Amino acid sequence: MGIEFRSGGYVRHVLMGGRTIKDGEAAAIWNVNGVHKQIIGPRRVYMYNSTIRFLTRHKAESHQYIRISHRDGRVEHKYGPA
């Protein structure tokens, strides 16, 4: 049994309450006005009428690379460790 990290499939609407973002996790939070905030754990966040989505973690080892496609069409290759 270990620590389970949440990924991009975890999306919740929180009327009132809090969520804990663990060490190694990242989350995006939108409030009722559509303002976006990114949180990197470990951190406890209190929300009111907000939507939270955990971000999927991607990493590359020393013999791998990550291909990043930007919205403007540029493609960037980042070699590991990244």
C-alpha atoms as a PDB file:
ATOM      1  CA  MET A   1       0.000   0.000   0.000  1.00  0.00           C
ATOM      2  CA  GLY A   2       1.534   3.330  -0.910  1.00  0.00           C
ATOM      3  CA  ILE A   3       0.559   6.834  -1.751  1.00  0.00           C
ATOM      4  CA  GLU A   4      -1.820   6.991  -4.699  1.00  0.00           C
ATOM      5  CA  PHE A   5      -1.467  10.083  -6.843  1.00  0.00           C
ATOM      6  CA  ARG A   6      -4.505  11.505  -8.595  1.00  0.00           C
ATOM      7  CA  SER A   7      -4.242  12.312 -12.294  1.00  0.00           C
ATOM      8  CA  GLY A   8      -6.134  14.287 -14.928  1.00  0.00           C
ATOM      9  CA  GLY A   9      -9.182  12.045 -14.646  1.00  0.00           C
ATOM     10  CA  TYR A  10      -9.968  13.466 -11.194  1.00  0.00           C
ATOM     11  CA  VAL A  11     -12.303  16.442 -11.670  1.00  0.00           C
ATOM     12  CA  ARG A  12     -14.640  17.593  -8.897  1.00  0.00           C
ATOM     13  CA  HIS A  13     -16.932  20.534  -8.256  1.00  0.00           C
ATOM     14  CA  VAL A  14     -16.578  21.682  -4.649  1.00  0.00           C
ATOM     15  CA  LEU A  15     -19.437  23.726  -3.224  1.00  0.00           C
ATOM     16  CA  MET A  16     -17.680  24.384   0.073  1.00  0.00           C
ATOM     17  CA  GLY A  17     -14.716  22.558   1.546  1.00  0.00           C
ATOM     18  CA  GLY A  18     -11.081  21.752   1.100  1.00  0.00           C
ATOM     19  CA  ARG A  19      -8.742  19.413  -0.694  1.00  0.00           C
ATOM     20  CA  THR A  20      -5.211  18.331   0.124  1.00  0.00           C
ATOM     21  CA  ILE A  21      -2.710  18.369  -2.710  1.00  0.00           C
ATOM     22  CA  LYS A  22      -0.004  15.861  -1.817  1.00  0.00           C
ATOM     23  CA  ASP A  23       3.727  16.265  -2.352  1.00  0.00           C
ATOM     24  CA  GLY A  24       4.377  15.490  -6.020  1.00  0.00           C
ATOM     25  CA  GLU A  25       0.864  16.412  -7.161  1.00  0.00           C
ATOM     26  CA  ALA A  26      -0.326  19.508  -9.003  1.00  0.00           C
ATOM     27  CA  ALA A  27      -3.874  20.788  -9.430  1.00  0.00           C
ATOM     28  CA  ALA A  28      -5.720  23.449 -11.394  1.00  0.00           C
ATOM     29  CA  ILE A  29      -8.573  25.253  -9.618  1.00  0.00           C
ATOM     30  CA  TRP A  30     -11.213  27.431 -11.260  1.00  0.00           C
ATOM     31  CA  ASN A  31     -13.460  29.633  -9.131  1.00  0.00           C
ATOM     32  CA  VAL A  32     -17.037  30.673  -9.952  1.00  0.00           C
ATOM     33  CA  ASN A  33     -15.762  33.663 -11.995  1.00  0.00           C
ATOM     34  CA  GLY A  34     -13.562  31.418 -14.170  1.00  0.00           C
ATOM     35  CA  VAL A  35     -10.273  32.578 -12.630  1.00  0.00           C
ATOM     36  CA  HIS A  36      -7.669  29.790 -12.853  1.00  0.00           C
ATOM     37  CA  LYS A  37      -5.009  29.036 -10.257  1.00  0.00           C
ATOM     38  CA  GLN A  38      -2.338  26.301 -10.339  1.00  0.00           C
ATOM     39  CA  ILE A  39      -1.296  24.739  -7.043  1.00  0.00           C
ATOM     40  CA  ILE A  40       1.751  22.514  -6.514  1.00  0.00           C
ATOM     41  CA  GLY A  41       1.694  20.332  -3.390  1.00  0.00           C
ATOM     42  CA  PRO A  42       2.053  19.718  -0.577  1.00  0.00           C
ATOM     43  CA  ARG A  43      -0.689  22.141   0.330  1.00  0.00           C
ATOM     44  CA  ARG A  44      -4.204  22.281   1.803  1.00  0.00           C
ATOM     45  CA  VAL A  45      -6.595  24.430  -0.246  1.00  0.00           C
ATOM     46  CA  TYR A  46     -10.005  25.690   0.875  1.00  0.00           C
ATOM     47  CA  MET A  47     -12.528  26.381  -1.860  1.00  0.00           C
ATOM     48  CA  TYR A  48     -16.009  27.792  -2.291  1.00  0.00           C
ATOM     49  CA  ASN A  49     -18.030  26.979  -5.425  1.00  0.00           C
ATOM     50  CA  SER A  50     -14.924  25.940  -7.362  1.00  0.00           C
ATOM     51  CA  THR A  51     -13.817  23.182  -9.733  1.00  0.00           C
ATOM     52  CA  ILE A  52     -10.586  21.268  -9.108  1.00  0.00           C
ATOM     53  CA  ARG A  53      -8.716  19.110 -11.606  1.00  0.00           C
ATOM     54  CA  PHE A  54      -5.542  17.243 -10.811  1.00  0.00           C
ATOM     55  CA  LEU A  55      -2.858  17.398 -13.484  1.00  0.00           C
ATOM     56  CA  THR A  56      -1.293  14.303 -15.015  1.00  0.00           C
ATOM     57  CA  ARG A  57       2.405  13.957 -14.284  1.00  0.00           C
ATOM     58  CA  HIS A  58       4.799  13.298 -17.168  1.00  0.00           C
ATOM     59  CA  LYS A  59       8.505  12.663 -16.688  1.00  0.00           C
ATOM     60  CA  ALA A  60      11.493  11.507 -18.701  1.00  0.00           C
ATOM     61  CA  GLU A  61      14.488   9.510 -17.499  1.00  0.00           C
ATOM     62  CA  SER A  62      18.046  10.163 -18.706  1.00  0.00           C
ATOM     63  CA  HIS A  63      17.587   7.983 -21.827  1.00  0.00           C
ATOM     64  CA  GLN A  64      14.160   9.440 -22.763  1.00  0.00           C
ATOM     65  CA  TYR A  65      12.683  12.734 -23.933  1.00  0.00           C
ATOM     66  CA  ILE A  66       9.377  14.586 -23.734  1.00  0.00           C
ATOM     67  CA  ARG A  67       7.785  16.059 -26.854  1.00  0.00           C
ATOM     68  CA  ILE A  68       5.978  19.315 -26.086  1.00  0.00           C
ATOM     69  CA  SER A  69       3.509  20.644 -28.670  1.00  0.00           C
ATOM     70  CA  HIS A  70       2.729  24.316 -28.112  1.00  0.00           C
ATOM     71  CA  ARG A  71      -0.577  25.887 -29.135  1.00  0.00           C
ATOM     72  CA  ASP A  72       1.139  28.146 -31.674  1.00  0.00           C
ATOM     73  CA  GLY A  73       2.420  25.053 -33.555  1.00  0.00           C
ATOM     74  CA  ARG A  74       5.977  24.932 -32.198  1.00  0.00           C
ATOM     75  CA  VAL A  75       7.313  21.535 -31.141  1.00  0.00           C
ATOM     76  CA  GLU A  76       9.950  21.277 -28.423  1.00  0.00           C
ATOM     77  CA  HIS A  77      11.910  18.195 -27.338  1.00  0.00           C
ATOM     78  CA  LYS A  78      13.153  18.156 -23.736  1.00  0.00           C
ATOM     79  CA  TYR A  79      15.690  15.492 -22.953  1.00  0.00           C
ATOM     80  CA  GLY A  80      15.638  13.808 -19.561  1.00  0.00           C
ATOM     81  CA  PRO A  81      15.878  13.925 -16.752  1.00  0.00           C
ATOM     82  CA  ALA A  82      12.930  16.305 -16.886  1.00  0.00           C
END
